[in-house]
Amino acid sequence: DGDVVTIDLEAKVEGEVLEDGVASGVSYTIGSGELLEGIDDAVKG
């Protein structure tokens, strides 16, 4: 919690990668709630 992580993201809907669902080099502060719900639990650890 509180760390700043650099992450790559890929989102799929019904098994297909979205054209606008890929992002690289995103800076995110864990616990800030600024991105997707569930991402904090996913990246912690």
All heavy atoms as atom14 arrays in JSON, in Angstrom:
{
  "sequence": "DGDVVTIDLEAKVEGEVLEDGVASGVSYTIGSGELLEGIDDAVKG",
  "atom14_mask": [
    [1, 1, 1, 1, 1, 1, 1, 1, 0, 0, 0, 0, 0, 0],
    [1, 1, 1, 1, 0, 0, 0, 0, 0, 0, 0, 0, 0, 0],
    [1, 1, 1, 1, 1, 1, 1, 1, 0, 0, 0, 0, 0, 0],
    [1, 1, 1, 1, 1, 1, 1, 0, 0, 0, 0, 0, 0, 0],
    [1, 1, 1, 1, 1, 1, 1, 0, 0, 0, 0, 0, 0, 0],
    [1, 1, 1, 1, 1, 1, 1, 0, 0, 0, 0, 0, 0, 0],
    [1, 1, 1, 1, 1, 1, 1, 1, 0, 0, 0, 0, 0, 0],
    [1, 1, 1, 1, 1, 1, 1, 1, 0, 0, 0, 0, 0, 0],
    [1, 1, 1, 1, 1, 1, 1, 1, 0, 0, 0, 0, 0, 0],
    [1, 1, 1, 1, 1, 1, 1, 1, 1, 0, 0, 0, 0, 0],
    [1, 1, 1, 1, 1, 0, 0, 0, 0, 0, 0, 0, 0, 0],
    [1, 1, 1, 1, 1, 1, 1, 1, 1, 0, 0, 0, 0, 0],
    [1, 1, 1, 1, 1, 1, 1, 0, 0, 0, 0, 0, 0, 0],
    [1, 1, 1, 1, 1, 1, 1, 1, 1, 0, 0, 0, 0, 0],
    [1, 1, 1, 1, 0, 0, 0, 0, 0, 0, 0, 0, 0, 0],
    [1, 1, 1, 1, 1, 1, 1, 1, 1, 0, 0, 0, 0, 0],
    [1, 1, 1, 1, 1, 1, 1, 0, 0, 0, 0, 0, 0, 0],
    [1, 1, 1, 1, 1, 1, 1, 1, 0, 0, 0, 0, 0, 0],
    [1, 1, 1, 1, 1, 1, 1, 1, 1, 0, 0, 0, 0, 0],
    [1, 1, 1, 1, 1, 1, 1, 1, 0, 0, 0, 0, 0, 0],
    [1, 1, 1, 1, 0, 0, 0, 0, 0, 0, 0, 0, 0, 0],
    [1, 1, 1, 1, 1, 1, 1, 0, 0, 0, 0, 0, 0, 0],
    [1, 1, 1, 1, 1, 0, 0, 0, 0, 0, 0, 0, 0, 0],
    [1, 1, 1, 1, 1, 1, 0, 0, 0, 0, 0, 0, 0, 0],
    [1, 1, 1, 1, 0, 0, 0, 0, 0, 0, 0, 0, 0, 0],
    [1, 1, 1, 1, 1, 1, 1, 0, 0, 0, 0, 0, 0, 0],
    [1, 1, 1, 1, 1, 1, 0, 0, 0, 0, 0, 0, 0, 0],
    [1, 1, 1, 1, 1, 1, 1, 1, 1, 1, 1, 1, 0, 0],
    [1, 1, 1, 1, 1, 1, 1, 0, 0, 0, 0, 0, 0, 0],
    [1, 1, 1, 1, 1, 1, 1, 1, 0, 0, 0, 0, 0, 0],
    [1, 1, 1, 1, 0, 0, 0, 0, 0, 0, 0, 0, 0, 0],
    [1, 1, 1, 1, 1, 1, 0, 0, 0, 0, 0, 0, 0, 0],
    [1, 1, 1, 1, 0, 0, 0, 0, 0, 0, 0, 0, 0, 0],
    [1, 1, 1, 1, 1, 1, 1, 1, 1, 0, 0, 0, 0, 0],
    [1, 1, 1, 1, 1, 1, 1, 1, 0, 0, 0, 0, 0, 0],
    [1, 1, 1, 1, 1, 1, 1, 1, 0, 0, 0, 0, 0, 0],
    [1, 1, 1, 1, 1, 1, 1, 1, 1, 0, 0, 0, 0, 0],
    [1, 1, 1, 1, 0, 0, 0, 0, 0, 0, 0, 0, 0, 0],
    [1, 1, 1, 1, 1, 1, 1, 1, 0, 0, 0, 0, 0, 0],
    [1, 1, 1, 1, 1, 1, 1, 1, 0, 0, 0, 0, 0, 0],
    [1, 1, 1, 1, 1, 1, 1, 1, 0, 0, 0, 0, 0, 0],
    [1, 1, 1, 1, 1, 0, 0, 0, 0, 0, 0, 0, 0, 0],
    [1, 1, 1, 1, 1, 1, 1, 0, 0, 0, 0, 0, 0, 0],
    [1, 1, 1, 1, 1, 1, 1, 1, 1, 0, 0, 0, 0, 0],
    [1, 1, 1, 1, 0, 0, 0, 0, 0, 0, 0, 0, 0, 0]
  ],
  "atom14_positions": [
    [[0.84, -1.2, 0.0], [0.0, 0.0, 0.0], [0.87, 1.24, 0.0], [1.85, 1.34, 0.75], [-0.89, 0.02, 1.25], [-2.26, -0.56, 0.98], [-2.76, -0.4, -0.15], [-2.83, -1.19, 1.9], [0.0, 0.0, 0.0], [0.0, 0.0, 0.0], [0.0, 0.0, 0.0], [0.0, 0.0, 0.0], [0.0, 0.0, 0.0], [0.0, 0.0, 0.0]],
    [[0.52, 2.22, -0.86], [1.25, 3.48, -0.92], [2.39, 3.47, -1.91], [2.9, 4.55, -2.27], [0.0, 0.0, 0.0], [0.0, 0.0, 0.0], [0.0, 0.0, 0.0], [0.0, 0.0, 0.0], [0.0, 0.0, 0.0], [0.0, 0.0, 0.0], [0.0, 0.0, 0.0], [0.0, 0.0, 0.0], [0.0, 0.0, 0.0], [0.0, 0.0, 0.0]],
    [[2.8, 2.3, -2.38], [3.87, 2.23, -3.38], [3.36, 2.75, -4.73], [2.17, 2.7, -5.04], [4.36, 0.8, -3.56], [5.24, 0.32, -2.42], [5.7, 1.19, -1.65], [5.43, -0.9, -2.29], [0.0, 0.0, 0.0], [0.0, 0.0, 0.0], [0.0, 0.0, 0.0], [0.0, 0.0, 0.0], [0.0, 0.0, 0.0], [0.0, 0.0, 0.0]],
    [[4.32, 3.21, -5.55], [4.0, 3.61, -6.93], [4.52, 2.51, -7.85], [5.72, 2.25, -7.89], [4.65, 4.96, -7.29], [4.32, 5.32, -8.74], [4.17, 6.06, -6.35], [0.0, 0.0, 0.0], [0.0, 0.0, 0.0], [0.0, 0.0, 0.0], [0.0, 0.0, 0.0], [0.0, 0.0, 0.0], [0.0, 0.0, 0.0], [0.0, 0.0, 0.0]],
    [[3.59, 1.88, -8.58], [3.98, 0.8, -9.48], [3.83, 1.25, -10.92], [2.93, 2.03, -11.26], [3.14, -0.47, -9.23], [3.5, -1.11, -7.92], [1.65, -0.16, -9.29], [0.0, 0.0, 0.0], [0.0, 0.0, 0.0], [0.0, 0.0, 0.0], [0.0, 0.0, 0.0], [0.0, 0.0, 0.0], [0.0, 0.0, 0.0], [0.0, 0.0, 0.0]],
    [[4.73, 0.78, -11.77], [4.6, 0.99, -13.21], [4.05, -0.29, -13.79], [4.6, -1.38, -13.55], [5.96, 1.33, -13.84], [6.51, 2.47, -13.19], [5.78, 1.64, -15.33], [0.0, 0.0, 0.0], [0.0, 0.0, 0.0], [0.0, 0.0, 0.0], [0.0, 0.0, 0.0], [0.0, 0.0, 0.0], [0.0, 0.0, 0.0], [0.0, 0.0, 0.0]],
    [[2.94, -0.18, -14.53], [2.24, -1.39, -14.95], [1.85, -1.33, -16.43], [1.74, -0.27, -17.02], [0.95, -1.61, -14.12], [0.07, -0.36, -14.17], [1.28, -1.97, -12.68], [-1.25, -0.51, -13.43], [0.0, 0.0, 0.0], [0.0, 0.0, 0.0], [0.0, 0.0, 0.0], [0.0, 0.0, 0.0], [0.0, 0.0, 0.0], [0.0, 0.0, 0.0]],
    [[1.67, -2.54, -17.0], [1.09, -2.7, -18.33], [-0.28, -3.35, -18.14], [-0.44, -4.24, -17.3], [1.96, -3.6, -19.22], [3.33, -2.98, -19.48], [3.45, -1.75, -19.38], [4.28, -3.75, -19.76], [0.0, 0.0, 0.0], [0.0, 0.0, 0.0], [0.0, 0.0, 0.0], [0.0, 0.0, 0.0], [0.0, 0.0, 0.0], [0.0, 0.0, 0.0]],
    [[-1.28, -2.9, -18.92], [-2.64, -3.41, -18.77], [-3.16, -3.95, -20.1], [-2.85, -3.42, -21.16], [-3.57, -2.29, -18.3], [-3.34, -1.74, -16.89], [-4.1, -0.43, -16.7], [-3.77, -2.75, -15.84], [0.0, 0.0, 0.0], [0.0, 0.0, 0.0], [0.0, 0.0, 0.0], [0.0, 0.0, 0.0], [0.0, 0.0, 0.0], [0.0, 0.0, 0.0]],
    [[-3.98, -5.01, -20.01], [-4.66, -5.55, -21.17], [-6.06, -5.99, -20.75], [-6.21, -6.79, -19.83], [-3.9, -6.75, -21.75], [-4.56, -7.33, -23.01], [-3.83, -8.56, -23.51], [-4.09, -9.66, -22.96], [-3.0, -8.43, -24.42], [0.0, 0.0, 0.0], [0.0, 0.0, 0.0], [0.0, 0.0, 0.0], [0.0, 0.0, 0.0], [0.0, 0.0, 0.0]],
    [[-7.08, -5.43, -21.4], [-8.47, -5.72, -21.03], [-9.14, -6.54, -22.13], [-9.05, -6.21, -23.31], [-9.24, -4.42, -20.8], [0.0, 0.0, 0.0], [0.0, 0.0, 0.0], [0.0, 0.0, 0.0], [0.0, 0.0, 0.0], [0.0, 0.0, 0.0], [0.0, 0.0, 0.0], [0.0, 0.0, 0.0], [0.0, 0.0, 0.0], [0.0, 0.0, 0.0]],
    [[-9.82, -7.63, -21.72], [-10.57, -8.46, -22.65], [-12.05, -8.48, -22.26], [-12.38, -8.49, -21.08], [-10.06, -9.91, -22.62], [-8.66, -10.1, -23.13], [-8.27, -11.58, -23.06], [-6.86, -11.83, -23.57], [-6.48, -13.27, -23.46], [0.0, 0.0, 0.0], [0.0, 0.0, 0.0], [0.0, 0.0, 0.0], [0.0, 0.0, 0.0], [0.0, 0.0, 0.0]],
    [[-12.9, -8.44, -23.27], [-14.33, -8.61, -23.06], [-14.77, -9.78, -23.92], [-14.56, -9.79, -25.13], [-15.12, -7.33, -23.43], [-16.62, -7.6, -23.38], [-14.77, -6.19, -22.49], [0.0, 0.0, 0.0], [0.0, 0.0, 0.0], [0.0, 0.0, 0.0], [0.0, 0.0, 0.0], [0.0, 0.0, 0.0], [0.0, 0.0, 0.0], [0.0, 0.0, 0.0]],
    [[-15.37, -10.77, -23.26], [-15.79, -12.01, -23.94], [-14.63, -12.64, -24.7], [-14.78, -13.12, -25.83], [-16.98, -11.73, -24.87], [-18.21, -11.22, -24.13], [-19.36, -10.89, -25.07], [-19.14, -10.94, -26.31], [-20.46, -10.59, -24.58], [0.0, 0.0, 0.0], [0.0, 0.0, 0.0], [0.0, 0.0, 0.0], [0.0, 0.0, 0.0], [0.0, 0.0, 0.0]],
    [[-13.46, -12.59, -24.1], [-12.29, -13.25, -24.67], [-11.54, -12.48, -25.72], [-10.47, -12.9, -26.16], [0.0, 0.0, 0.0], [0.0, 0.0, 0.0], [0.0, 0.0, 0.0], [0.0, 0.0, 0.0], [0.0, 0.0, 0.0], [0.0, 0.0, 0.0], [0.0, 0.0, 0.0], [0.0, 0.0, 0.0], [0.0, 0.0, 0.0], [0.0, 0.0, 0.0]],
    [[-12.05, -11.32, -26.12], [-11.42, -10.52, -27.17], [-10.74, -9.3, -26.56], [-11.33, -8.58, -25.75], [-12.45, -10.05, -28.2], [-13.11, -11.18, -28.98], [-12.13, -11.87, -29.93], [-11.22, -11.18, -30.42], [-12.28, -13.08, -30.15], [0.0, 0.0, 0.0], [0.0, 0.0, 0.0], [0.0, 0.0, 0.0], [0.0, 0.0, 0.0], [0.0, 0.0, 0.0]],
    [[-9.46, -9.07, -26.96], [-8.74, -7.9, -26.48], [-9.33, -6.65, -27.13], [-9.48, -6.58, -28.36], [-7.23, -8.0, -26.81], [-6.51, -6.73, -26.34], [-6.63, -9.24, -26.13], [0.0, 0.0, 0.0], [0.0, 0.0, 0.0], [0.0, 0.0, 0.0], [0.0, 0.0, 0.0], [0.0, 0.0, 0.0], [0.0, 0.0, 0.0], [0.0, 0.0, 0.0]],
    [[-9.66, -5.66, -26.34], [-10.24, -4.42, -26.85], [-9.17, -3.57, -27.54], [-8.02, -3.52, -27.08], [-10.86, -3.6, -25.72], [-11.99, -4.28, -24.94], [-12.35, -3.44, -23.71], [-13.21, -4.46, -25.84], [0.0, 0.0, 0.0], [0.0, 0.0, 0.0], [0.0, 0.0, 0.0], [0.0, 0.0, 0.0], [0.0, 0.0, 0.0], [0.0, 0.0, 0.0]],
    [[-9.57, -2.91, -28.62], [-8.62, -2.05, -29.33], [-8.1, -0.94, -28.42], [-6.93, -0.55, -28.51], [-9.29, -1.43, -30.58], [-9.52, -2.41, -31.7], [-10.05, -1.73, -32.94], [-10.01, -0.48, -33.0], [-10.5, -2.43, -33.86], [0.0, 0.0, 0.0], [0.0, 0.0, 0.0], [0.0, 0.0, 0.0], [0.0, 0.0, 0.0], [0.0, 0.0, 0.0]],
    [[-8.98, -0.42, -27.57], [-8.56, 0.64, -26.65], [-8.37, 0.1, -25.24], [-8.44, 0.84, -24.26], [-9.59, 1.78, -26.63], [-11.0, 1.29, -26.31], [-11.2, 0.06, -26.2], [-11.91, 2.13, -26.15], [0.0, 0.0, 0.0], [0.0, 0.0, 0.0], [0.0, 0.0, 0.0], [0.0, 0.0, 0.0], [0.0, 0.0, 0.0], [0.0, 0.0, 0.0]],
    [[-8.1, -1.22, -25.16], [-7.96, -1.85, -23.86], [-6.54, -2.24, -23.52], [-6.32, -3.08, -22.64], [0.0, 0.0, 0.0], [0.0, 0.0, 0.0], [0.0, 0.0, 0.0], [0.0, 0.0, 0.0], [0.0, 0.0, 0.0], [0.0, 0.0, 0.0], [0.0, 0.0, 0.0], [0.0, 0.0, 0.0], [0.0, 0.0, 0.0], [0.0, 0.0, 0.0]],
    [[-5.56, -1.64, -24.2], [-4.15, -1.97, -23.95], [-3.41, -0.68, -23.58], [-3.56, 0.34, -24.26], [-3.5, -2.62, -25.18], [-2.03, -2.9, -24.91], [-4.24, -3.91, -25.55], [0.0, 0.0, 0.0], [0.0, 0.0, 0.0], [0.0, 0.0, 0.0], [0.0, 0.0, 0.0], [0.0, 0.0, 0.0], [0.0, 0.0, 0.0], [0.0, 0.0, 0.0]],
    [[-2.64, -0.73, -22.49], [-1.86, 0.44, -22.07], [-0.56, -0.04, -21.46], [-0.51, -1.06, -20.77], [-2.64, 1.28, -21.06], [0.0, 0.0, 0.0], [0.0, 0.0, 0.0], [0.0, 0.0, 0.0], [0.0, 0.0, 0.0], [0.0, 0.0, 0.0], [0.0, 0.0, 0.0], [0.0, 0.0, 0.0], [0.0, 0.0, 0.0], [0.0, 0.0, 0.0]],
    [[0.52, 0.71, -21.74], [1.84, 0.34, -21.23], [2.44, 1.5, -20.46], [2.18, 2.68, -20.76], [2.78, -0.04, -22.38], [2.26, -1.13, -23.12], [0.0, 0.0, 0.0], [0.0, 0.0, 0.0], [0.0, 0.0, 0.0], [0.0, 0.0, 0.0], [0.0, 0.0, 0.0], [0.0, 0.0, 0.0], [0.0, 0.0, 0.0], [0.0, 0.0, 0.0]],
    [[3.25, 1.17, -19.46], [3.98, 2.18, -18.71], [3.11, 3.09, -17.87], [3.45, 4.26, -17.64], [0.0, 0.0, 0.0], [0.0, 0.0, 0.0], [0.0, 0.0, 0.0], [0.0, 0.0, 0.0], [0.0, 0.0, 0.0], [0.0, 0.0, 0.0], [0.0, 0.0, 0.0], [0.0, 0.0, 0.0], [0.0, 0.0, 0.0], [0.0, 0.0, 0.0]],
    [[1.99, 2.57, -17.39], [1.08, 3.37, -16.57], [1.61, 3.45, -15.14], [1.97, 2.43, -14.54], [-0.34, 2.76, -16.56], [-1.26, 3.56, -15.64], [-0.89, 2.7, -17.97], [0.0, 0.0, 0.0], [0.0, 0.0, 0.0], [0.0, 0.0, 0.0], [0.0, 0.0, 0.0], [0.0, 0.0, 0.0], [0.0, 0.0, 0.0], [0.0, 0.0, 0.0]],
    [[1.67, 4.66, -14.59], [2.11, 4.86, -13.21], [0.89, 4.9, -12.31], [-0.05, 5.66, -12.55], [2.89, 6.17, -13.09], [3.33, 6.36, -11.77], [0.0, 0.0, 0.0], [0.0, 0.0, 0.0], [0.0, 0.0, 0.0], [0.0, 0.0, 0.0], [0.0, 0.0, 0.0], [0.0, 0.0, 0.0], [0.0, 0.0, 0.0], [0.0, 0.0, 0.0]],
    [[0.9, 4.07, -11.25], [-0.27, 3.98, -10.37], [0.16, 3.87, -8.91], [1.04, 3.07, -8.57], [-1.12, 2.77, -10.76], [-2.28, 2.54, -9.82], [-3.33, 3.45, -9.76], [-2.32, 1.41, -8.99], [-4.4, 3.25, -8.88], [-3.38, 1.2, -8.13], [-4.41, 2.13, -8.07], [-5.45, 1.94, -7.21], [0.0, 0.0, 0.0], [0.0, 0.0, 0.0]],
    [[-0.48, 4.69, -8.07], [-0.22, 4.62, -6.63], [-1.22, 3.68, -5.99], [-2.44, 3.9, -6.06], [-0.35, 6.01, -5.99], [0.58, 6.91, -6.6], [-0.06, 5.95, -4.49], [0.0, 0.0, 0.0], [0.0, 0.0, 0.0], [0.0, 0.0, 0.0], [0.0, 0.0, 0.0], [0.0, 0.0, 0.0], [0.0, 0.0, 0.0], [0.0, 0.0, 0.0]],
    [[-0.73, 2.62, -5.38], [-1.61, 1.61, -4.79], [-2.43, 2.24, -3.65], [-1.87, 2.88, -2.76], [-0.8, 0.42, -4.26], [-0.01, -0.23, -5.41], [-1.7, -0.61, -3.6], [0.9, -1.36, -4.97], [0.0, 0.0, 0.0], [0.0, 0.0, 0.0], [0.0, 0.0, 0.0], [0.0, 0.0, 0.0], [0.0, 0.0, 0.0], [0.0, 0.0, 0.0]],
    [[-3.76, 2.06, -3.75], [-4.64, 2.61, -2.72], [-5.28, 3.92, -3.1], [-6.15, 4.43, -2.39], [0.0, 0.0, 0.0], [0.0, 0.0, 0.0], [0.0, 0.0, 0.0], [0.0, 0.0, 0.0], [0.0, 0.0, 0.0], [0.0, 0.0, 0.0], [0.0, 0.0, 0.0], [0.0, 0.0, 0.0], [0.0, 0.0, 0.0], [0.0, 0.0, 0.0]],
    [[-4.87, 4.48, -4.24], [-5.41, 5.78, -4.66], [-6.83, 5.67, -5.22], [-7.57, 6.65, -5.25], [-4.5, 6.44, -5.7], [-4.5, 5.69, -6.91], [0.0, 0.0, 0.0], [0.0, 0.0, 0.0], [0.0, 0.0, 0.0], [0.0, 0.0, 0.0], [0.0, 0.0, 0.0], [0.0, 0.0, 0.0], [0.0, 0.0, 0.0], [0.0, 0.0, 0.0]],
    [[-7.2, 4.48, -5.7], [-8.53, 4.29, -6.27], [-8.72, 4.99, -7.6], [-9.86, 5.27, -7.99], [0.0, 0.0, 0.0], [0.0, 0.0, 0.0], [0.0, 0.0, 0.0], [0.0, 0.0, 0.0], [0.0, 0.0, 0.0], [0.0, 0.0, 0.0], [0.0, 0.0, 0.0], [0.0, 0.0, 0.0], [0.0, 0.0, 0.0], [0.0, 0.0, 0.0]],
    [[-7.63, 5.31, -8.3], [-7.74, 6.11, -9.53], [-7.91, 5.27, -10.79], [-8.21, 5.81, -11.84], [-6.49, 6.99, -9.67], [-6.38, 8.07, -8.59], [-5.07, 8.83, -8.68], [-4.2, 8.4, -9.47], [-4.91, 9.83, -7.96], [0.0, 0.0, 0.0], [0.0, 0.0, 0.0], [0.0, 0.0, 0.0], [0.0, 0.0, 0.0], [0.0, 0.0, 0.0]],
    [[-7.73, 3.96, -10.69], [-7.89, 3.13, -11.88], [-9.09, 2.2, -11.72], [-10.17, 2.66, -11.35], [-6.61, 2.34, -12.15], [-5.46, 3.11, -12.83], [-4.23, 2.23, -13.0], [-5.9, 3.65, -14.19], [0.0, 0.0, 0.0], [0.0, 0.0, 0.0], [0.0, 0.0, 0.0], [0.0, 0.0, 0.0], [0.0, 0.0, 0.0], [0.0, 0.0, 0.0]],
    [[-8.91, 0.94, -11.96], [-10.0, -0.02, -11.96], [-10.24, -0.62, -10.58], [-9.3, -0.81, -9.81], [-9.71, -1.14, -12.96], [-9.56, -0.71, -14.42], [-8.99, -1.86, -15.24], [-10.9, -0.28, -14.99], [0.0, 0.0, 0.0], [0.0, 0.0, 0.0], [0.0, 0.0, 0.0], [0.0, 0.0, 0.0], [0.0, 0.0, 0.0], [0.0, 0.0, 0.0]],
    [[-11.5, -0.92, -10.32], [-11.81, -1.61, -9.07], [-11.19, -3.0, -9.1], [-11.3, -3.72, -10.09], [-13.34, -1.71, -8.93], [-13.77, -2.29, -7.59], [-15.28, -2.3, -7.44], [-15.96, -1.6, -8.21], [-15.76, -3.03, -6.55], [0.0, 0.0, 0.0], [0.0, 0.0, 0.0], [0.0, 0.0, 0.0], [0.0, 0.0, 0.0], [0.0, 0.0, 0.0]],
    [[-10.51, -3.34, -8.03], [-9.87, -4.66, -7.94], [-8.39, -4.65, -8.26], [-7.7, -5.65, -8.0], [0.0, 0.0, 0.0], [0.0, 0.0, 0.0], [0.0, 0.0, 0.0], [0.0, 0.0, 0.0], [0.0, 0.0, 0.0], [0.0, 0.0, 0.0], [0.0, 0.0, 0.0], [0.0, 0.0, 0.0], [0.0, 0.0, 0.0], [0.0, 0.0, 0.0]],
    [[-7.89, -3.53, -8.78], [-6.47, -3.52, -9.19], [-5.54, -3.5, -7.98], [-4.44, -4.07, -8.03], [-6.18, -2.32, -10.12], [-4.81, -2.53, -10.78], [-6.25, -0.99, -9.39], [-4.52, -1.57, -11.91], [0.0, 0.0, 0.0], [0.0, 0.0, 0.0], [0.0, 0.0, 0.0], [0.0, 0.0, 0.0], [0.0, 0.0, 0.0], [0.0, 0.0, 0.0]],
    [[-5.99, -2.87, -6.87], [-5.12, -2.82, -5.69], [-4.81, -4.22, -5.18], [-3.65, -4.56, -4.92], [-5.79, -2.0, -4.58], [-5.83, -0.52, -4.89], [-5.0, -0.08, -5.7], [-6.67, 0.19, -4.34], [0.0, 0.0, 0.0], [0.0, 0.0, 0.0], [0.0, 0.0, 0.0], [0.0, 0.0, 0.0], [0.0, 0.0, 0.0], [0.0, 0.0, 0.0]],
    [[-5.85, -5.05, -5.04], [-5.64, -6.42, -4.56], [-4.8, -7.22, -5.55], [-4.04, -8.11, -5.15], [-6.99, -7.11, -4.34], [-7.76, -6.51, -3.18], [-7.12, -5.91, -2.29], [-9.01, -6.62, -3.16], [0.0, 0.0, 0.0], [0.0, 0.0, 0.0], [0.0, 0.0, 0.0], [0.0, 0.0, 0.0], [0.0, 0.0, 0.0], [0.0, 0.0, 0.0]],
    [[-4.94, -6.9, -6.84], [-4.21, -7.66, -7.86], [-2.71, -7.39, -7.82], [-1.9, -8.31, -7.97], [-4.77, -7.34, -9.24], [0.0, 0.0, 0.0], [0.0, 0.0, 0.0], [0.0, 0.0, 0.0], [0.0, 0.0, 0.0], [0.0, 0.0, 0.0], [0.0, 0.0, 0.0], [0.0, 0.0, 0.0], [0.0, 0.0, 0.0], [0.0, 0.0, 0.0]],
    [[-2.31, -6.12, -7.61], [-0.89, -5.79, -7.71], [-0.16, -5.9, -6.37], [1.07, -6.06, -6.35], [-0.68, -4.37, -8.29], [-1.21, -4.29, -9.7], [-1.33, -3.31, -7.41], [0.0, 0.0, 0.0], [0.0, 0.0, 0.0], [0.0, 0.0, 0.0], [0.0, 0.0, 0.0], [0.0, 0.0, 0.0], [0.0, 0.0, 0.0], [0.0, 0.0, 0.0]],
    [[-0.89, -5.82, -5.26], [-0.22, -5.94, -3.97], [0.38, -7.34, -3.83], [-0.27, -8.34, -4.12], [-1.2, -5.67, -2.81], [-1.35, -4.2, -2.5], [-2.09, -3.94, -1.19], [-3.54, -4.35, -1.27], [-4.29, -3.92, -0.05], [0.0, 0.0, 0.0], [0.0, 0.0, 0.0], [0.0, 0.0, 0.0], [0.0, 0.0, 0.0], [0.0, 0.0, 0.0]],
    [[1.63, -7.41, -3.43], [2.32, -8.68, -3.28], [3.11, -9.08, -4.52], [3.85, -10.06, -4.48], [0.0, 0.0, 0.0], [0.0, 0.0, 0.0], [0.0, 0.0, 0.0], [0.0, 0.0, 0.0], [0.0, 0.0, 0.0], [0.0, 0.0, 0.0], [0.0, 0.0, 0.0], [0.0, 0.0, 0.0], [0.0, 0.0, 0.0], [0.0, 0.0, 0.0]]
  ]
}
